[in-house]
Amino acid sequence: MNYAALSAAIQAYTENTEADFVANIPVFVTQAEQRIYNTVQFPSIRKNMTGVVSTTSTYLSAPDDYLASYSLAVIDADGNYEYLLNKDVNFIRQAYPKATDIGLPKYYALFGPTVSGSTITDELTFILGPKPDANYTVELHYYYYPESITVAADGRTWLGDNFDSVLLYGSLVEAYTYMKGEQDMMALYNGKYQEALALAKRLGDGMERQDAYRSGQYRQAVT
């Protein structure tokens, strides 16, 4: 389902084509996407990026669209990956209190916003421990919000193409909230959304994290 079809379906289901309502459909959809992406860990919300840490700093800038980490690895000169353990900032400060505490980083923590002069920016940074003893390539796997279907150039996203039911009913819940609709219809849309969300979780948090070789094929109990 592309965005044009989704927008048309929302208007048809709610029987509402008022200008203000139609103008707010992108808001309904993006709110639904955010709820879904914070409930189901689809592979489409993962991203990886490489960067460089140097001997001059214990800090590493996070990508602008960073929300949370899956993993952070340092790659040494031989191409070996050393996956860092996530810790608190205070742990790293206490474990490596001196500027001379250098080596291959073992730990990292989300430090906080970057400060430019007297301005606190939206960009986050990581602190590493110990301070790098050489320039290393790092690879970050992280959670982010994919481009919304409302602004996608072709009006399509992975979620719209592969699990449009959860996107549709999630958007209808937001739309009916805006309309201050009747409670029975709100309950109906929310129930359909929860059903679709459960199936989405089965895919994103279940089927996509296993295979028949490792876990065996799914078997339905026979009574």
N, C-alpha and C. Protein backbone atom coordinates (compact mmCIF):
# COMPACT_ATOMS: atom_id res chain seq x y z
N MET A 1 0.84 -1.19 0.00
CA MET A 1 0.00 0.00 0.00
C MET A 1 0.87 1.24 0.00
N ASN A 2 0.71 2.11 -1.00
CA ASN A 2 1.46 3.35 -1.03
C ASN A 2 0.69 4.43 -0.26
N TYR A 3 1.30 5.62 -0.18
CA TYR A 3 0.69 6.65 0.65
C TYR A 3 -0.65 7.13 0.09
N ALA A 4 -0.75 7.23 -1.23
CA ALA A 4 -2.01 7.66 -1.83
C ALA A 4 -3.15 6.70 -1.48
N ALA A 5 -2.86 5.40 -1.55
CA ALA A 5 -3.88 4.40 -1.21
C ALA A 5 -4.20 4.44 0.28
N LEU A 6 -3.18 4.63 1.11
CA LEU A 6 -3.40 4.71 2.55
C LEU A 6 -4.26 5.91 2.91
N SER A 7 -3.95 7.07 2.34
CA SER A 7 -4.74 8.28 2.61
C SER A 7 -6.18 8.10 2.17
N ALA A 8 -6.37 7.49 1.00
CA ALA A 8 -7.73 7.26 0.49
C ALA A 8 -8.49 6.30 1.41
N ALA A 9 -7.80 5.27 1.91
CA ALA A 9 -8.44 4.30 2.79
C ALA A 9 -8.85 4.95 4.12
N ILE A 10 -8.01 5.80 4.66
CA ILE A 10 -8.34 6.49 5.92
C ILE A 10 -9.59 7.34 5.74
N GLN A 11 -9.68 8.05 4.62
CA GLN A 11 -10.86 8.87 4.37
C GLN A 11 -12.11 8.02 4.16
N ALA A 12 -11.94 6.89 3.50
CA ALA A 12 -13.09 6.01 3.25
C ALA A 12 -13.58 5.35 4.53
N TYR A 13 -12.66 4.85 5.35
CA TYR A 13 -13.04 4.19 6.59
C TYR A 13 -13.73 5.16 7.55
N THR A 14 -13.23 6.38 7.63
CA THR A 14 -13.80 7.35 8.57
C THR A 14 -14.94 8.15 7.96
N GLU A 15 -15.12 8.00 6.63
CA GLU A 15 -16.14 8.77 5.90
C GLU A 15 -15.98 10.26 6.18
N ASN A 16 -14.72 10.70 6.10
CA ASN A 16 -14.40 12.09 6.40
C ASN A 16 -13.45 12.61 5.34
N THR A 17 -13.92 13.61 4.58
CA THR A 17 -13.09 14.22 3.55
C THR A 17 -12.97 15.73 3.77
N GLU A 18 -13.24 16.18 4.99
CA GLU A 18 -13.10 17.60 5.29
C GLU A 18 -11.64 18.03 5.11
N ALA A 19 -11.47 19.27 4.69
CA ALA A 19 -10.14 19.76 4.36
C ALA A 19 -9.18 19.68 5.54
N ASP A 20 -9.62 20.09 6.73
CA ASP A 20 -8.75 20.06 7.90
C ASP A 20 -8.35 18.63 8.25
N PHE A 21 -9.30 17.71 8.12
CA PHE A 21 -9.02 16.30 8.42
C PHE A 21 -7.99 15.75 7.43
N VAL A 22 -8.20 16.00 6.15
CA VAL A 22 -7.29 15.49 5.12
C VAL A 22 -5.89 16.09 5.30
N ALA A 23 -5.84 17.37 5.69
CA ALA A 23 -4.54 18.02 5.89
C ALA A 23 -3.76 17.40 7.04
N ASN A 24 -4.48 16.78 7.99
CA ASN A 24 -3.83 16.18 9.16
C ASN A 24 -3.52 14.70 8.99
N ILE A 25 -3.88 14.11 7.86
CA ILE A 25 -3.61 12.69 7.65
C ILE A 25 -2.12 12.37 7.76
N PRO A 26 -1.19 13.19 7.24
CA PRO A 26 0.23 12.88 7.46
C PRO A 26 0.61 12.80 8.92
N VAL A 27 -0.03 13.62 9.77
CA VAL A 27 0.24 13.57 11.21
C VAL A 27 -0.24 12.24 11.78
N PHE A 28 -1.44 11.81 11.39
CA PHE A 28 -1.97 10.53 11.89
C PHE A 28 -1.02 9.39 11.52
N VAL A 29 -0.55 9.41 10.29
CA VAL A 29 0.27 8.31 9.79
C VAL A 29 1.63 8.29 10.48
N THR A 30 2.26 9.46 10.62
CA THR A 30 3.58 9.48 11.26
C THR A 30 3.49 9.11 12.74
N GLN A 31 2.40 9.48 13.41
CA GLN A 31 2.21 9.07 14.80
C GLN A 31 2.05 7.55 14.88
N ALA A 32 1.31 6.98 13.95
CA ALA A 32 1.13 5.53 13.92
C ALA A 32 2.46 4.83 13.65
N GLU A 33 3.24 5.35 12.70
CA GLU A 33 4.54 4.76 12.41
C GLU A 33 5.44 4.76 13.64
N GLN A 34 5.44 5.86 14.36
CA GLN A 34 6.28 5.95 15.55
C GLN A 34 5.86 4.92 16.60
N ARG A 35 4.57 4.75 16.80
CA ARG A 35 4.09 3.75 17.76
C ARG A 35 4.50 2.35 17.34
N ILE A 36 4.36 2.06 16.05
CA ILE A 36 4.69 0.73 15.55
C ILE A 36 6.18 0.45 15.69
N TYR A 37 7.01 1.43 15.28
CA TYR A 37 8.46 1.23 15.32
C TYR A 37 8.99 1.14 16.76
N ASN A 38 8.24 1.64 17.71
CA ASN A 38 8.65 1.52 19.11
C ASN A 38 8.07 0.28 19.78
N THR A 39 7.30 -0.50 19.04
CA THR A 39 6.70 -1.72 19.57
C THR A 39 7.28 -2.97 18.94
N VAL A 40 7.62 -2.89 17.65
CA VAL A 40 8.11 -4.05 16.91
C VAL A 40 9.51 -3.74 16.35
N GLN A 41 10.45 -4.64 16.56
CA GLN A 41 11.82 -4.44 16.09
C GLN A 41 12.01 -5.05 14.70
N PHE A 42 11.42 -4.40 13.70
CA PHE A 42 11.62 -4.84 12.32
C PHE A 42 13.06 -4.59 11.88
N PRO A 43 13.61 -5.43 11.01
CA PRO A 43 14.95 -5.16 10.47
C PRO A 43 15.04 -3.82 9.74
N SER A 44 13.91 -3.32 9.25
CA SER A 44 13.93 -2.06 8.49
C SER A 44 14.24 -0.85 9.36
N ILE A 45 14.22 -1.01 10.69
CA ILE A 45 14.54 0.12 11.57
C ILE A 45 15.99 0.04 12.05
N ARG A 46 16.77 -0.87 11.46
CA ARG A 46 18.19 -0.98 11.77
C ARG A 46 19.01 -0.28 10.70
N LYS A 47 20.10 0.29 11.14
CA LYS A 47 21.01 0.94 10.21
C LYS A 47 22.43 0.74 10.73
N ASN A 48 23.39 0.70 9.84
CA ASN A 48 24.78 0.63 10.30
C ASN A 48 25.61 1.71 9.62
N MET A 49 26.61 2.17 10.34
CA MET A 49 27.46 3.25 9.85
C MET A 49 28.86 3.06 10.38
N THR A 50 29.83 3.40 9.58
CA THR A 50 31.22 3.34 10.02
C THR A 50 31.76 4.74 10.22
N GLY A 51 32.73 4.85 11.12
CA GLY A 51 33.39 6.12 11.39
C GLY A 51 34.79 5.87 11.88
N VAL A 52 35.43 6.88 12.42
CA VAL A 52 36.80 6.78 12.88
C VAL A 52 36.93 7.44 14.25
N VAL A 53 37.62 6.76 15.17
CA VAL A 53 38.00 7.37 16.44
C VAL A 53 39.51 7.56 16.42
N SER A 54 39.95 8.63 17.07
CA SER A 54 41.37 8.95 17.02
C SER A 54 41.95 9.09 18.41
N THR A 55 43.25 9.22 18.47
CA THR A 55 43.96 9.35 19.74
C THR A 55 43.73 10.70 20.40
N THR A 56 43.13 11.63 19.69
CA THR A 56 42.96 12.99 20.22
C THR A 56 41.71 13.15 21.07
N SER A 57 40.80 12.14 21.07
CA SER A 57 39.54 12.33 21.78
C SER A 57 38.99 11.00 22.29
N THR A 58 38.29 11.07 23.41
CA THR A 58 37.59 9.89 23.93
C THR A 58 36.14 9.86 23.46
N TYR A 59 35.76 10.79 22.60
CA TYR A 59 34.37 10.92 22.20
C TYR A 59 34.15 10.53 20.74
N LEU A 60 32.94 10.09 20.46
CA LEU A 60 32.54 9.71 19.11
C LEU A 60 31.16 10.28 18.86
N SER A 61 31.00 11.02 17.79
CA SER A 61 29.70 11.62 17.46
C SER A 61 28.73 10.56 16.97
N ALA A 62 27.50 10.65 17.44
CA ALA A 62 26.45 9.74 16.98
C ALA A 62 25.83 10.29 15.70
N PRO A 63 25.28 9.43 14.85
CA PRO A 63 24.59 9.92 13.64
C PRO A 63 23.40 10.80 14.02
N ASP A 64 23.03 11.69 13.12
CA ASP A 64 21.94 12.62 13.39
C ASP A 64 20.61 11.91 13.65
N ASP A 65 20.41 10.75 13.01
CA ASP A 65 19.14 10.04 13.16
C ASP A 65 19.20 8.92 14.20
N TYR A 66 20.25 8.93 15.02
CA TYR A 66 20.44 7.89 16.03
C TYR A 66 19.36 7.97 17.11
N LEU A 67 18.82 6.79 17.50
CA LEU A 67 17.88 6.70 18.61
C LEU A 67 18.39 5.78 19.71
N ALA A 68 18.94 4.64 19.35
CA ALA A 68 19.46 3.69 20.34
C ALA A 68 20.44 2.75 19.65
N SER A 69 21.30 2.13 20.46
CA SER A 69 22.35 1.26 19.92
C SER A 69 21.92 -0.19 19.89
N TYR A 70 22.36 -0.89 18.85
CA TYR A 70 22.33 -2.35 18.83
C TYR A 70 23.73 -2.88 19.15
N SER A 71 24.75 -2.26 18.57
CA SER A 71 26.12 -2.66 18.88
C SER A 71 27.08 -1.59 18.38
N LEU A 72 28.26 -1.57 19.00
CA LEU A 72 29.35 -0.69 18.57
C LEU A 72 30.63 -1.50 18.62
N ALA A 73 31.34 -1.55 17.51
CA ALA A 73 32.56 -2.34 17.42
C ALA A 73 33.72 -1.48 16.96
N VAL A 74 34.90 -1.77 17.49
CA VAL A 74 36.15 -1.16 17.04
C VAL A 74 36.86 -2.19 16.16
N ILE A 75 37.37 -1.75 15.03
CA ILE A 75 38.05 -2.64 14.09
C ILE A 75 39.54 -2.30 14.12
N ASP A 76 40.36 -3.28 14.50
CA ASP A 76 41.79 -3.00 14.62
C ASP A 76 42.48 -3.07 13.26
N ALA A 77 43.79 -2.88 13.26
CA ALA A 77 44.56 -2.82 12.02
C ALA A 77 44.52 -4.12 11.23
N ASP A 78 44.26 -5.24 11.92
CA ASP A 78 44.19 -6.54 11.26
C ASP A 78 42.78 -6.89 10.78
N GLY A 79 41.85 -5.97 11.00
CA GLY A 79 40.47 -6.22 10.58
C GLY A 79 39.65 -6.97 11.58
N ASN A 80 40.17 -7.17 12.80
CA ASN A 80 39.43 -7.87 13.83
C ASN A 80 38.42 -6.94 14.49
N TYR A 81 37.23 -7.48 14.76
CA TYR A 81 36.16 -6.71 15.41
C TYR A 81 36.22 -6.92 16.92
N GLU A 82 36.23 -5.83 17.66
CA GLU A 82 36.15 -5.88 19.12
C GLU A 82 34.87 -5.15 19.50
N TYR A 83 33.85 -5.95 19.93
CA TYR A 83 32.57 -5.34 20.27
C TYR A 83 32.64 -4.75 21.67
N LEU A 84 32.26 -3.49 21.79
CA LEU A 84 32.36 -2.77 23.05
C LEU A 84 31.15 -3.06 23.93
N LEU A 85 31.37 -3.05 25.23
CA LEU A 85 30.29 -3.23 26.20
C LEU A 85 29.71 -1.88 26.57
N ASN A 86 28.39 -1.83 26.60
CA ASN A 86 27.71 -0.58 26.95
C ASN A 86 27.69 -0.40 28.47
N LYS A 87 28.19 0.75 28.92
CA LYS A 87 28.25 1.05 30.35
C LYS A 87 27.72 2.46 30.60
N ASP A 88 27.66 2.83 31.88
CA ASP A 88 27.32 4.21 32.25
C ASP A 88 28.56 5.09 32.11
N VAL A 89 28.32 6.39 31.95
CA VAL A 89 29.42 7.34 31.85
C VAL A 89 30.27 7.29 33.12
N ASN A 90 29.62 7.18 34.28
CA ASN A 90 30.38 7.19 35.55
C ASN A 90 31.30 5.98 35.67
N PHE A 91 30.90 4.84 35.10
CA PHE A 91 31.77 3.66 35.11
C PHE A 91 33.05 3.95 34.34
N ILE A 92 32.91 4.54 33.15
CA ILE A 92 34.07 4.82 32.32
C ILE A 92 34.96 5.88 32.96
N ARG A 93 34.34 6.88 33.54
CA ARG A 93 35.12 7.93 34.20
C ARG A 93 35.95 7.36 35.36
N GLN A 94 35.35 6.45 36.11
CA GLN A 94 36.06 5.89 37.26
C GLN A 94 37.11 4.87 36.83
N ALA A 95 36.79 4.08 35.81
CA ALA A 95 37.72 3.05 35.35
C ALA A 95 38.94 3.65 34.66
N TYR A 96 38.76 4.78 33.97
CA TYR A 96 39.85 5.40 33.22
C TYR A 96 39.88 6.90 33.53
N PRO A 97 40.31 7.26 34.74
CA PRO A 97 40.25 8.66 35.17
C PRO A 97 41.34 9.55 34.59
N LYS A 98 42.41 8.97 34.08
CA LYS A 98 43.56 9.77 33.65
C LYS A 98 43.63 9.88 32.13
N ALA A 99 44.18 10.98 31.66
CA ALA A 99 44.36 11.17 30.22
C ALA A 99 45.34 10.16 29.64
N THR A 100 46.18 9.59 30.50
CA THR A 100 47.17 8.61 30.03
C THR A 100 46.60 7.19 29.97
N ASP A 101 45.35 7.01 30.36
CA ASP A 101 44.71 5.69 30.28
C ASP A 101 44.27 5.46 28.83
N ILE A 102 45.14 4.83 28.06
CA ILE A 102 44.87 4.62 26.63
C ILE A 102 44.96 3.14 26.30
N GLY A 103 44.38 2.77 25.17
CA GLY A 103 44.41 1.38 24.72
C GLY A 103 43.29 1.15 23.71
N LEU A 104 43.09 -0.10 23.35
CA LEU A 104 41.97 -0.46 22.48
C LEU A 104 40.69 -0.30 23.29
N PRO A 105 39.75 0.54 22.87
CA PRO A 105 38.52 0.75 23.65
C PRO A 105 37.79 -0.56 23.92
N LYS A 106 37.25 -0.68 25.13
CA LYS A 106 36.48 -1.86 25.54
C LYS A 106 35.04 -1.53 25.89
N TYR A 107 34.79 -0.26 26.26
CA TYR A 107 33.47 0.15 26.74
C TYR A 107 33.04 1.43 26.03
N TYR A 108 31.73 1.64 26.03
CA TYR A 108 31.21 2.91 25.53
C TYR A 108 29.95 3.26 26.31
N ALA A 109 29.63 4.54 26.32
CA ALA A 109 28.41 5.01 26.99
C ALA A 109 27.86 6.18 26.19
N LEU A 110 26.56 6.34 26.24
CA LEU A 110 25.93 7.49 25.62
C LEU A 110 26.18 8.69 26.52
N PHE A 111 26.96 9.65 26.02
CA PHE A 111 27.43 10.74 26.87
C PHE A 111 26.41 11.86 26.99
N GLY A 112 25.78 12.20 25.89
CA GLY A 112 24.81 13.29 25.93
C GLY A 112 24.95 14.19 24.72
N PRO A 113 24.21 15.31 24.71
CA PRO A 113 24.25 16.22 23.56
C PRO A 113 25.63 16.85 23.37
N THR A 114 25.94 17.15 22.12
CA THR A 114 27.16 17.88 21.80
C THR A 114 26.99 19.35 22.14
N VAL A 115 28.00 19.95 22.70
CA VAL A 115 27.97 21.37 23.03
C VAL A 115 28.90 22.11 22.08
N SER A 116 28.36 23.08 21.35
CA SER A 116 29.15 23.90 20.44
C SER A 116 29.17 25.32 20.99
N GLY A 117 30.29 25.69 21.60
CA GLY A 117 30.35 26.99 22.27
C GLY A 117 29.44 26.98 23.48
N SER A 118 28.44 27.84 23.47
CA SER A 118 27.44 27.86 24.55
C SER A 118 26.13 27.24 24.13
N THR A 119 26.11 26.62 22.93
CA THR A 119 24.89 26.06 22.38
C THR A 119 24.88 24.54 22.52
N ILE A 120 23.81 24.02 23.09
CA ILE A 120 23.62 22.57 23.18
C ILE A 120 22.88 22.12 21.93
N THR A 121 23.51 21.24 21.16
CA THR A 121 22.92 20.79 19.90
C THR A 121 22.08 19.54 20.12
N ASP A 122 21.42 19.10 19.04
CA ASP A 122 20.61 17.88 19.10
C ASP A 122 21.44 16.62 18.89
N GLU A 123 22.67 16.79 18.45
CA GLU A 123 23.52 15.64 18.14
C GLU A 123 24.06 15.02 19.43
N LEU A 124 23.98 13.69 19.53
CA LEU A 124 24.47 12.98 20.70
C LEU A 124 25.90 12.49 20.47
N THR A 125 26.58 12.18 21.56
CA THR A 125 27.94 11.65 21.47
C THR A 125 28.10 10.44 22.38
N PHE A 126 29.08 9.60 22.03
CA PHE A 126 29.48 8.48 22.87
C PHE A 126 30.81 8.81 23.52
N ILE A 127 31.04 8.29 24.71
CA ILE A 127 32.35 8.34 25.34
C ILE A 127 32.91 6.93 25.35
N LEU A 128 34.20 6.79 25.04
CA LEU A 128 34.85 5.48 24.96
C LEU A 128 35.81 5.30 26.12
N GLY A 129 36.01 4.08 26.51
CA GLY A 129 36.98 3.79 27.55
C GLY A 129 37.70 2.48 27.25
N PRO A 130 39.04 2.48 27.28
CA PRO A 130 39.89 3.65 27.48
C PRO A 130 39.97 4.51 26.21
N LYS A 131 40.66 5.63 26.33
CA LYS A 131 40.90 6.50 25.18
C LYS A 131 41.68 5.72 24.13
N PRO A 132 41.33 5.84 22.86
CA PRO A 132 42.03 5.07 21.82
C PRO A 132 43.53 5.37 21.79
N ASP A 133 44.32 4.31 21.63
CA ASP A 133 45.77 4.46 21.54
C ASP A 133 46.23 4.55 20.09
N ALA A 134 45.28 4.51 19.17
CA ALA A 134 45.57 4.63 17.74
C ALA A 134 44.28 5.04 17.05
N ASN A 135 44.36 5.35 15.77
CA ASN A 135 43.15 5.63 15.00
C ASN A 135 42.49 4.31 14.61
N TYR A 136 41.21 4.17 14.96
CA TYR A 136 40.47 2.94 14.67
C TYR A 136 39.21 3.25 13.89
N THR A 137 38.86 2.33 13.00
CA THR A 137 37.55 2.36 12.37
C THR A 137 36.54 1.77 13.34
N VAL A 138 35.37 2.36 13.44
CA VAL A 138 34.30 1.83 14.29
C VAL A 138 33.07 1.57 13.43
N GLU A 139 32.30 0.58 13.84
CA GLU A 139 31.06 0.25 13.13
C GLU A 139 29.92 0.25 14.14
N LEU A 140 28.94 1.10 13.89
CA LEU A 140 27.79 1.25 14.78
C LEU A 140 26.55 0.71 14.11
N HIS A 141 25.88 -0.22 14.78
CA HIS A 141 24.56 -0.67 14.37
C HIS A 141 23.56 -0.01 15.31
N TYR A 142 22.58 0.67 14.74
CA TYR A 142 21.70 1.44 15.61
C TYR A 142 20.26 1.47 15.10
N TYR A 143 19.39 1.88 16.02
CA TYR A 143 17.95 1.99 15.79
C TYR A 143 17.63 3.41 15.35
N TYR A 144 16.81 3.53 14.32
CA TYR A 144 16.40 4.85 13.84
C TYR A 144 15.00 4.75 13.25
N TYR A 145 14.37 5.89 13.01
CA TYR A 145 13.07 5.91 12.35
C TYR A 145 13.28 5.98 10.85
N PRO A 146 12.83 4.99 10.09
CA PRO A 146 12.94 5.06 8.64
C PRO A 146 12.14 6.24 8.10
N GLU A 147 12.41 6.60 6.87
CA GLU A 147 11.66 7.69 6.23
C GLU A 147 10.18 7.37 6.25
N SER A 148 9.38 8.35 6.62
CA SER A 148 7.93 8.15 6.69
C SER A 148 7.35 7.95 5.30
N ILE A 149 6.32 7.16 5.23
CA ILE A 149 5.63 6.94 3.96
C ILE A 149 5.02 8.23 3.45
N THR A 150 4.79 9.18 4.35
CA THR A 150 4.16 10.45 3.95
C THR A 150 5.09 11.33 3.14
N VAL A 151 6.39 11.11 3.24
CA VAL A 151 7.36 11.95 2.51
C VAL A 151 8.23 11.16 1.56
N ALA A 152 8.06 9.84 1.51
CA ALA A 152 8.86 9.01 0.60
C ALA A 152 8.62 9.44 -0.84
N ALA A 153 9.68 9.51 -1.61
CA ALA A 153 9.59 10.02 -2.98
C ALA A 153 8.59 9.25 -3.83
N ASP A 154 8.57 7.93 -3.66
CA ASP A 154 7.64 7.11 -4.44
C ASP A 154 6.40 6.74 -3.64
N GLY A 155 6.26 7.30 -2.42
CA GLY A 155 5.09 7.01 -1.60
C GLY A 155 5.05 5.61 -1.04
N ARG A 156 6.22 4.94 -1.01
CA ARG A 156 6.27 3.56 -0.55
C ARG A 156 7.33 3.41 0.53
N THR A 157 7.08 2.50 1.47
CA THR A 157 8.06 2.12 2.48
C THR A 157 7.95 0.62 2.71
N TRP A 158 8.93 0.08 3.44
CA TRP A 158 8.90 -1.35 3.75
C TRP A 158 7.63 -1.70 4.50
N LEU A 159 7.25 -0.88 5.47
CA LEU A 159 6.06 -1.18 6.28
C LEU A 159 4.80 -1.14 5.43
N GLY A 160 4.68 -0.15 4.56
CA GLY A 160 3.50 -0.06 3.70
C GLY A 160 3.41 -1.21 2.71
N ASP A 161 4.56 -1.67 2.23
CA ASP A 161 4.58 -2.76 1.25
C ASP A 161 4.37 -4.13 1.89
N ASN A 162 4.84 -4.31 3.12
CA ASN A 162 4.86 -5.65 3.71
C ASN A 162 3.90 -5.86 4.87
N PHE A 163 3.46 -4.80 5.52
CA PHE A 163 2.53 -4.97 6.64
C PHE A 163 1.61 -3.76 6.73
N ASP A 164 0.84 -3.56 5.65
CA ASP A 164 0.01 -2.37 5.58
C ASP A 164 -1.15 -2.38 6.56
N SER A 165 -1.57 -3.56 7.04
CA SER A 165 -2.71 -3.61 7.95
C SER A 165 -2.43 -2.90 9.26
N VAL A 166 -1.23 -3.11 9.82
CA VAL A 166 -0.91 -2.45 11.09
C VAL A 166 -0.76 -0.95 10.88
N LEU A 167 -0.27 -0.53 9.73
CA LEU A 167 -0.14 0.89 9.44
C LEU A 167 -1.51 1.54 9.24
N LEU A 168 -2.39 0.86 8.55
CA LEU A 168 -3.74 1.39 8.32
C LEU A 168 -4.51 1.54 9.63
N TYR A 169 -4.58 0.47 10.42
CA TYR A 169 -5.38 0.54 11.64
C TYR A 169 -4.72 1.43 12.69
N GLY A 170 -3.39 1.50 12.71
CA GLY A 170 -2.74 2.45 13.61
C GLY A 170 -3.09 3.88 13.24
N SER A 171 -3.13 4.17 11.93
CA SER A 171 -3.50 5.50 11.47
C SER A 171 -4.96 5.81 11.76
N LEU A 172 -5.82 4.81 11.65
CA LEU A 172 -7.24 5.01 11.94
C LEU A 172 -7.46 5.33 13.41
N VAL A 173 -6.71 4.70 14.29
CA VAL A 173 -6.81 5.01 15.72
C VAL A 173 -6.47 6.48 15.95
N GLU A 174 -5.39 6.95 15.33
CA GLU A 174 -5.00 8.35 15.48
C GLU A 174 -6.04 9.27 14.86
N ALA A 175 -6.55 8.89 13.69
CA ALA A 175 -7.54 9.71 13.00
C ALA A 175 -8.83 9.82 13.80
N TYR A 176 -9.29 8.70 14.37
CA TYR A 176 -10.54 8.71 15.12
C TYR A 176 -10.38 9.45 16.44
N THR A 177 -9.16 9.42 16.99
CA THR A 177 -8.89 10.23 18.18
C THR A 177 -9.04 11.71 17.84
N TYR A 178 -8.52 12.11 16.69
CA TYR A 178 -8.65 13.49 16.23
C TYR A 178 -10.12 13.88 16.06
N MET A 179 -10.90 12.95 15.53
CA MET A 179 -12.31 13.22 15.27
C MET A 179 -13.17 13.18 16.54
N LYS A 180 -12.54 12.70 17.64
CA LYS A 180 -13.30 12.49 18.88
C LYS A 180 -14.54 11.63 18.59
N GLY A 181 -14.25 10.51 17.92
CA GLY A 181 -15.31 9.63 17.46
C GLY A 181 -15.97 8.83 18.57
N GLU A 182 -16.98 8.09 18.18
CA GLU A 182 -17.74 7.29 19.13
C GLU A 182 -16.87 6.21 19.74
N GLN A 183 -17.13 5.90 21.00
CA GLN A 183 -16.29 4.98 21.75
C GLN A 183 -16.32 3.56 21.17
N ASP A 184 -17.49 3.14 20.67
CA ASP A 184 -17.56 1.78 20.14
C ASP A 184 -16.71 1.63 18.88
N MET A 185 -16.69 2.67 18.02
CA MET A 185 -15.87 2.61 16.83
C MET A 185 -14.39 2.74 17.18
N MET A 186 -14.10 3.56 18.17
CA MET A 186 -12.71 3.67 18.63
C MET A 186 -12.22 2.33 19.13
N ALA A 187 -13.06 1.65 19.91
CA ALA A 187 -12.69 0.33 20.44
C ALA A 187 -12.51 -0.67 19.30
N LEU A 188 -13.33 -0.57 18.27
CA LEU A 188 -13.22 -1.48 17.12
C LEU A 188 -11.89 -1.26 16.40
N TYR A 189 -11.57 0.00 16.08
CA TYR A 189 -10.32 0.29 15.38
C TYR A 189 -9.11 -0.09 16.23
N ASN A 190 -9.18 0.19 17.52
CA ASN A 190 -8.05 -0.15 18.39
C ASN A 190 -7.88 -1.66 18.49
N GLY A 191 -9.00 -2.38 18.53
CA GLY A 191 -8.93 -3.84 18.57
C GLY A 191 -8.30 -4.40 17.30
N LYS A 192 -8.69 -3.86 16.15
CA LYS A 192 -8.10 -4.31 14.89
C LYS A 192 -6.62 -3.96 14.83
N TYR A 193 -6.28 -2.80 15.38
CA TYR A 193 -4.87 -2.40 15.42
C TYR A 193 -4.05 -3.36 16.29
N GLN A 194 -4.59 -3.71 17.45
CA GLN A 194 -3.88 -4.63 18.35
C GLN A 194 -3.71 -6.00 17.71
N GLU A 195 -4.72 -6.46 16.96
CA GLU A 195 -4.61 -7.74 16.26
C GLU A 195 -3.49 -7.67 15.21
N ALA A 196 -3.48 -6.60 14.43
CA ALA A 196 -2.45 -6.45 13.40
C ALA A 196 -1.07 -6.29 14.03
N LEU A 197 -1.02 -5.59 15.17
CA LEU A 197 0.26 -5.39 15.84
C LEU A 197 0.82 -6.71 16.37
N ALA A 198 -0.07 -7.57 16.87
CA ALA A 198 0.37 -8.88 17.36
C ALA A 198 0.97 -9.70 16.22
N LEU A 199 0.37 -9.64 15.04
CA LEU A 199 0.91 -10.36 13.89
C LEU A 199 2.24 -9.75 13.46
N ALA A 200 2.33 -8.42 13.53
CA ALA A 200 3.58 -7.76 13.18
C ALA A 200 4.69 -8.16 14.14
N LYS A 201 4.38 -8.27 15.43
CA LYS A 201 5.38 -8.69 16.41
C LYS A 201 5.80 -10.13 16.16
N ARG A 202 4.85 -10.96 15.74
CA ARG A 202 5.19 -12.35 15.42
C ARG A 202 6.22 -12.41 14.30
N LEU A 203 6.07 -11.48 13.33
CA LEU A 203 7.03 -11.43 12.24
C LEU A 203 8.35 -10.80 12.69
N GLY A 204 8.29 -9.55 13.20
CA GLY A 204 9.49 -8.79 13.49
C GLY A 204 10.28 -9.31 14.67
N ASP A 205 9.57 -9.74 15.72
CA ASP A 205 10.26 -10.20 16.94
C ASP A 205 10.31 -11.72 17.04
N GLY A 206 9.73 -12.41 16.06
CA GLY A 206 9.72 -13.87 16.10
C GLY A 206 10.32 -14.51 14.87
N MET A 207 9.55 -14.53 13.77
CA MET A 207 9.96 -15.26 12.58
C MET A 207 11.26 -14.75 11.98
N GLU A 208 11.46 -13.42 12.03
CA GLU A 208 12.68 -12.86 11.43
C GLU A 208 13.91 -13.04 12.31
N ARG A 209 13.75 -13.63 13.48
CA ARG A 209 14.88 -13.86 14.38
C ARG A 209 15.22 -15.35 14.53
N GLN A 210 14.66 -16.18 13.66
CA GLN A 210 14.94 -17.61 13.75
C GLN A 210 14.81 -18.23 12.36
N ASP A 211 15.25 -19.48 12.24
CA ASP A 211 15.04 -20.24 11.02
C ASP A 211 14.80 -21.69 11.38
N ALA A 212 14.41 -22.48 10.40
CA ALA A 212 14.07 -23.88 10.66
C ALA A 212 15.28 -24.70 11.07
N TYR A 213 16.46 -24.34 10.56
CA TYR A 213 17.67 -25.10 10.90
C TYR A 213 18.00 -24.95 12.38
N ARG A 214 17.91 -23.74 12.89
CA ARG A 214 18.28 -23.48 14.27
C ARG A 214 17.16 -23.80 15.25
N SER A 215 15.93 -23.41 14.89
CA SER A 215 14.82 -23.49 15.84
C SER A 215 13.83 -24.61 15.52
N GLY A 216 13.96 -25.24 14.35
CA GLY A 216 12.97 -26.24 13.96
C GLY A 216 11.75 -25.57 13.36
N GLN A 217 11.02 -26.32 12.56
CA GLN A 217 9.83 -25.76 11.95
C GLN A 217 8.71 -25.59 12.97
N TYR A 218 7.87 -24.59 12.74
CA TYR A 218 6.76 -24.33 13.64
C TYR A 218 5.78 -25.51 13.58
N ARG A 219 5.31 -25.93 14.73
CA ARG A 219 4.37 -27.04 14.81
C ARG A 219 3.14 -26.61 15.59
N GLN A 220 1.99 -26.82 14.98
CA GLN A 220 0.72 -26.54 15.65
C GLN A 220 0.29 -27.77 16.43
N ALA A 221 -0.03 -27.58 17.70
CA ALA A 221 -0.46 -28.71 18.53
C ALA A 221 -1.75 -29.31 17.97
N VAL A 222 -1.80 -30.64 17.91
CA VAL A 222 -2.98 -31.34 17.42
C VAL A 222 -3.73 -31.92 18.60
N THR A 223 -5.03 -31.63 18.67
CA THR A 223 -5.84 -32.11 19.80
C THR A 223 -6.87 -33.11 19.32
